[in-house]
PDB file of N, CA and C in Angstrom:
ATOM      1  N   THR A   1      24.826  -6.904 -10.054  1.00  0.00           N
ATOM      2  CA  THR A   1      23.381  -6.809 -10.025  1.00  0.00           C
ATOM      3  C   THR A   1      22.818  -7.088  -8.629  1.00  0.00           C
ATOM      4  N   ASP A   2      23.567  -7.781  -7.766  1.00  0.00           N
ATOM      5  CA  ASP A   2      23.090  -8.009  -6.394  1.00  0.00           C
ATOM      6  C   ASP A   2      22.906  -6.684  -5.661  1.00  0.00           C
ATOM      7  N   LEU A   3      23.839  -5.779  -5.852  1.00  0.00           N
ATOM      8  CA  LEU A   3      23.749  -4.474  -5.207  1.00  0.00           C
ATOM      9  C   LEU A   3      22.525  -3.704  -5.706  1.00  0.00           C
ATOM     10  N   ILE A   4      22.260  -3.783  -6.985  1.00  0.00           N
ATOM     11  CA  ILE A   4      21.083  -3.119  -7.558  1.00  0.00           C
ATOM     12  C   ILE A   4      19.811  -3.724  -6.984  1.00  0.00           C
ATOM     13  N   ASN A   5      19.765  -5.047  -6.867  1.00  0.00           N
ATOM     14  CA  ASN A   5      18.584  -5.712  -6.297  1.00  0.00           C
ATOM     15  C   ASN A   5      18.349  -5.293  -4.850  1.00  0.00           C
ATOM     16  N   VAL A   6      19.409  -5.204  -4.080  1.00  0.00           N
ATOM     17  CA  VAL A   6      19.286  -4.777  -2.684  1.00  0.00           C
ATOM     18  C   VAL A   6      18.774  -3.339  -2.622  1.00  0.00           C
ATOM     19  N   PHE A   7      19.329  -2.476  -3.452  1.00  0.00           N
ATOM     20  CA  PHE A   7      18.914  -1.078  -3.471  1.00  0.00           C
ATOM     21  C   PHE A   7      17.442  -0.944  -3.855  1.00  0.00           C
ATOM     22  N   GLU A   8      17.013  -1.685  -4.868  1.00  0.00           N
ATOM     23  CA  GLU A   8      15.615  -1.634  -5.300  1.00  0.00           C
ATOM     24  C   GLU A   8      14.680  -2.161  -4.215  1.00  0.00           C
ATOM     25  N   SER A   9      15.110  -3.190  -3.489  1.00  0.00           N
ATOM     26  CA  SER A   9      14.302  -3.715  -2.380  1.00  0.00           C
ATOM     27  C   SER A   9      14.184  -2.694  -1.251  1.00  0.00           C
ATOM     28  N   LEU A  10      15.271  -1.991  -0.969  1.00  0.00           N
ATOM     29  CA  LEU A  10      15.231  -0.951   0.056  1.00  0.00           C
ATOM     30  C   LEU A  10      14.305   0.193  -0.349  1.00  0.00           C
ATOM     31  N   GLN A  11      14.339   0.565  -1.610  1.00  0.00           N
ATOM     32  CA  GLN A  11      13.435   1.613  -2.091  1.00  0.00           C
ATOM     33  C   GLN A  11      11.981   1.167  -1.962  1.00  0.00           C
ATOM     34  N   CYS A  12      11.707  -0.056  -2.350  1.00  0.00           N
ATOM     35  CA  CYS A  12      10.356  -0.607  -2.265  1.00  0.00           C
ATOM     36  C   CYS A  12       9.875  -0.591  -0.812  1.00  0.00           C
ATOM     37  N   GLY A  13      10.697  -1.075   0.085  1.00  0.00           N
ATOM     38  CA  GLY A  13      10.337  -1.089   1.499  1.00  0.00           C
ATOM     39  C   GLY A  13      10.122   0.311   2.052  1.00  0.00           C
ATOM     40  N   SER A  14      10.930   1.248   1.612  1.00  0.00           N
ATOM     41  CA  SER A  14      10.781   2.631   2.065  1.00  0.00           C
ATOM     42  C   SER A  14       9.456   3.223   1.610  1.00  0.00           C
ATOM     43  N   ARG A  15       9.051   2.920   0.397  1.00  0.00           N
ATOM     44  CA  ARG A  15       7.751   3.411  -0.086  1.00  0.00           C
ATOM     45  C   ARG A  15       6.619   2.812   0.745  1.00  0.00           C
ATOM     46  N   ASN A  16       6.701   1.508   1.026  1.00  0.00           N
ATOM     47  CA  ASN A  16       5.668   0.863   1.847  1.00  0.00           C
ATOM     48  C   ASN A  16       5.629   1.456   3.252  1.00  0.00           C
ATOM     49  N   HIS A  17       6.789   1.701   3.840  1.00  0.00           N
ATOM     50  CA  HIS A  17       6.845   2.278   5.182  1.00  0.00           C
ATOM     51  C   HIS A  17       6.248   3.679   5.190  1.00  0.00           C
ATOM     52  N   LEU A  18       6.532   4.466   4.160  1.00  0.00           N
ATOM     53  CA  LEU A  18       5.965   5.812   4.097  1.00  0.00           C
ATOM     54  C   LEU A  18       4.446   5.752   4.023  1.00  0.00           C
ATOM     55  N   ARG A  19       3.921   4.853   3.191  1.00  0.00           N
ATOM     56  CA  ARG A  19       2.462   4.718   3.096  1.00  0.00           C
ATOM     57  C   ARG A  19       1.857   4.360   4.454  1.00  0.00           C
ATOM     58  N   SER A  20       2.460   3.400   5.141  1.00  0.00           N
ATOM     59  CA  SER A  20       1.953   2.977   6.454  1.00  0.00           C
ATOM     60  C   SER A  20       2.060   4.098   7.481  1.00  0.00           C
ATOM     61  N   PHE A  21       3.170   4.796   7.471  1.00  0.00           N
ATOM     62  CA  PHE A  21       3.409   5.895   8.397  1.00  0.00           C
ATOM     63  C   PHE A  21       2.362   6.992   8.208  1.00  0.00           C
ATOM     64  N   VAL A  22       2.143   7.394   6.972  1.00  0.00           N
ATOM     65  CA  VAL A  22       1.172   8.454   6.680  1.00  0.00           C
ATOM     66  C   VAL A  22      -0.241   7.993   7.031  1.00  0.00           C
ATOM     67  N   PHE A  23      -0.558   6.744   6.745  1.00  0.00           N
ATOM     68  CA  PHE A  23      -1.873   6.199   7.094  1.00  0.00           C
ATOM     69  C   PHE A  23      -2.111   6.311   8.601  1.00  0.00           C
ATOM     70  N   GLY A  24      -1.116   5.932   9.386  1.00  0.00           N
ATOM     71  CA  GLY A  24      -1.238   6.004  10.838  1.00  0.00           C
ATOM     72  C   GLY A  24      -1.396   7.430  11.339  1.00  0.00           C
ATOM     73  N   ILE A  25      -0.633   8.335  10.783  1.00  0.00           N
ATOM     74  CA  ILE A  25      -0.726   9.743  11.182  1.00  0.00           C
ATOM     75  C   ILE A  25      -2.103  10.301  10.852  1.00  0.00           C
ATOM     76  N   GLU A  26      -2.583  10.007   9.647  1.00  0.00           N
ATOM     77  CA  GLU A  26      -3.890  10.525   9.237  1.00  0.00           C
ATOM     78  C   GLU A  26      -5.024   9.896  10.038  1.00  0.00           C
ATOM     79  N   ASN A  27      -4.889   8.631  10.409  1.00  0.00           N
ATOM     80  CA  ASN A  27      -5.906   7.981  11.249  1.00  0.00           C
ATOM     81  C   ASN A  27      -5.964   8.599  12.640  1.00  0.00           C
ATOM     82  N   ALA A  28      -4.859   9.194  13.070  1.00  0.00           N
ATOM     83  CA  ALA A  28      -4.823   9.865  14.368  1.00  0.00           C
ATOM     84  C   ALA A  28      -5.328  11.306  14.267  1.00  0.00           C
ATOM     85  N   GLY A  29      -5.763  11.707  13.063  1.00  0.00           N
ATOM     86  CA  GLY A  29      -6.306  13.049  12.880  1.00  0.00           C
ATOM     87  C   GLY A  29      -5.277  14.114  12.579  1.00  0.00           C
ATOM     88  N   ASN A  30      -4.081  13.699  12.234  1.00  0.00           N
ATOM     89  CA  ASN A  30      -3.006  14.638  11.931  1.00  0.00           C
ATOM     90  C   ASN A  30      -2.691  14.632  10.441  1.00  0.00           C
ATOM     91  N   THR A  31      -1.841  15.548  10.041  1.00  0.00           N
ATOM     92  CA  THR A  31      -1.428  15.653   8.646  1.00  0.00           C
ATOM     93  C   THR A  31       0.083  15.534   8.560  1.00  0.00           C
ATOM     94  N   TYR A  32       0.553  14.739   7.627  1.00  0.00           N
ATOM     95  CA  TYR A  32       1.987  14.620   7.388  1.00  0.00           C
ATOM     96  C   TYR A  32       2.370  15.529   6.228  1.00  0.00           C
ATOM     97  N   ILE A  33       3.396  16.330   6.421  1.00  0.00           N
ATOM     98  CA  ILE A  33       3.915  17.190   5.360  1.00  0.00           C
ATOM     99  C   ILE A  33       5.349  16.752   5.086  1.00  0.00           C
ATOM    100  N   PRO A  34       5.618  16.258   3.872  1.00  0.00           N
ATOM    101  CA  PRO A  34       6.970  15.775   3.574  1.00  0.00           C
ATOM    102  C   PRO A  34       8.000  16.903   3.651  1.00  0.00           C
ATOM    103  N   GLN A  35       9.171  16.565   4.151  1.00  0.00           N
ATOM    104  CA  GLN A  35      10.239  17.542   4.309  1.00  0.00           C
ATOM    105  C   GLN A  35      11.331  17.400   3.257  1.00  0.00           C
ATOM    106  N   PHE A  36      11.508  16.208   2.719  1.00  0.00           N
ATOM    107  CA  PHE A  36      12.620  15.973   1.807  1.00  0.00           C
ATOM    108  C   PHE A  36      12.182  15.531   0.423  1.00  0.00           C
ATOM    109  N   LEU A  37      11.035  14.899   0.312  1.00  0.00           N
ATOM    110  CA  LEU A  37      10.514  14.489  -0.991  1.00  0.00           C
ATOM    111  C   LEU A  37       9.818  15.663  -1.656  1.00  0.00           C
ATOM    112  N   SER A  38       9.899  15.708  -2.969  1.00  0.00           N
ATOM    113  CA  SER A  38       9.127  16.720  -3.694  1.00  0.00           C
ATOM    114  C   SER A  38       7.648  16.366  -3.571  1.00  0.00           C
ATOM    115  N   PRO A  39       6.772  17.349  -3.695  1.00  0.00           N
ATOM    116  CA  PRO A  39       5.338  17.044  -3.645  1.00  0.00           C
ATOM    117  C   PRO A  39       4.930  16.011  -4.694  1.00  0.00           C
ATOM    118  N   GLU A  40       5.541  16.066  -5.860  1.00  0.00           N
ATOM    119  CA  GLU A  40       5.207  15.117  -6.926  1.00  0.00           C
ATOM    120  C   GLU A  40       5.618  13.695  -6.552  1.00  0.00           C
ATOM    121  N   ASP A  41       6.832  13.539  -6.025  1.00  0.00           N
ATOM    122  CA  ASP A  41       7.293  12.203  -5.625  1.00  0.00           C
ATOM    123  C   ASP A  41       6.451  11.662  -4.469  1.00  0.00           C
ATOM    124  N   TYR A  42       6.175  12.517  -3.493  1.00  0.00           N
ATOM    125  CA  TYR A  42       5.361  12.117  -2.349  1.00  0.00           C
ATOM    126  C   TYR A  42       3.977  11.663  -2.798  1.00  0.00           C
ATOM    127  N   ASP A  43       3.329  12.471  -3.629  1.00  0.00           N
ATOM    128  CA  ASP A  43       1.983  12.135  -4.106  1.00  0.00           C
ATOM    129  C   ASP A  43       1.971  10.824  -4.883  1.00  0.00           C
ATOM    130  N   ALA A  44       3.006  10.601  -5.694  1.00  0.00           N
ATOM    131  CA  ALA A  44       3.079   9.364  -6.478  1.00  0.00           C
ATOM    132  C   ALA A  44       3.217   8.150  -5.564  1.00  0.00           C
ATOM    133  N   ILE A  45       4.022   8.270  -4.526  1.00  0.00           N
ATOM    134  CA  ILE A  45       4.206   7.154  -3.593  1.00  0.00           C
ATOM    135  C   ILE A  45       2.919   6.884  -2.823  1.00  0.00           C
ATOM    136  N   ILE A  46       2.309   7.925  -2.294  1.00  0.00           N
ATOM    137  CA  ILE A  46       1.097   7.765  -1.492  1.00  0.00           C
ATOM    138  C   ILE A  46      -0.049   7.212  -2.332  1.00  0.00           C
ATOM    139  N   ALA A  47      -0.108   7.597  -3.592  1.00  0.00           N
ATOM    140  CA  ALA A  47      -1.181   7.123  -4.477  1.00  0.00           C
ATOM    141  C   ALA A  47      -1.000   5.662  -4.870  1.00  0.00           C
ATOM    142  N   GLY A  48       0.207   5.132  -4.693  1.00  0.00           N
ATOM    143  CA  GLY A  48       0.482   3.756  -5.084  1.00  0.00           C
ATOM    144  C   GLY A  48      -0.056   2.752  -4.077  1.00  0.00           C
ATOM    145  N   SER A  49      -0.130   1.525  -4.513  1.00  0.00           N
ATOM    146  CA  SER A  49      -0.578   0.425  -3.660  1.00  0.00           C
ATOM    147  C   SER A  49       0.605  -0.181  -2.919  1.00  0.00           C
ATOM    148  N   HIS A  50       0.297  -0.943  -1.879  1.00  0.00           N
ATOM    149  CA  HIS A  50       1.338  -1.687  -1.164  1.00  0.00           C
ATOM    150  C   HIS A  50       2.062  -2.583  -2.153  1.00  0.00           C
ATOM    151  N   GLU A  51       3.374  -2.585  -2.081  1.00  0.00           N
ATOM    152  CA  GLU A  51       4.193  -3.363  -3.007  1.00  0.00           C
ATOM    153  C   GLU A  51       4.743  -4.609  -2.325  1.00  0.00           C
ATOM    154  N   GLN A  52       4.910  -5.662  -3.095  1.00  0.00           N
ATOM    155  CA  GLN A  52       5.576  -6.870  -2.615  1.00  0.00           C
ATOM    156  C   GLN A  52       7.060  -6.721  -2.920  1.00  0.00           C
ATOM    157  N   CYS A  53       7.853  -6.520  -1.898  1.00  0.00           N
ATOM    158  CA  CYS A  53       9.285  -6.303  -2.081  1.00  0.00           C
ATOM    159  C   CYS A  53      10.030  -7.631  -1.976  1.00  0.00           C
ATOM    160  N   ASN A  54      11.029  -7.785  -2.792  1.00  0.00           N
ATOM    161  CA  ASN A  54      11.827  -9.023  -2.777  1.00  0.00           C
ATOM    162  C   ASN A  54      13.089  -8.844  -1.991  1.00  0.00           C
TER     163      ASN A  54
END
């Protein structure tokens, strides 16, 4: 279960980083277009709130 916890924490951090990254790009007047995430996954992550990762 330690490996699962580490993996889940990495996923959580990645979602937070994506939100911050997109926020910064959009504040600079640009648009981010995901290259590897599906539009549905991307939209779900961006619509979410900042998460507290363990």
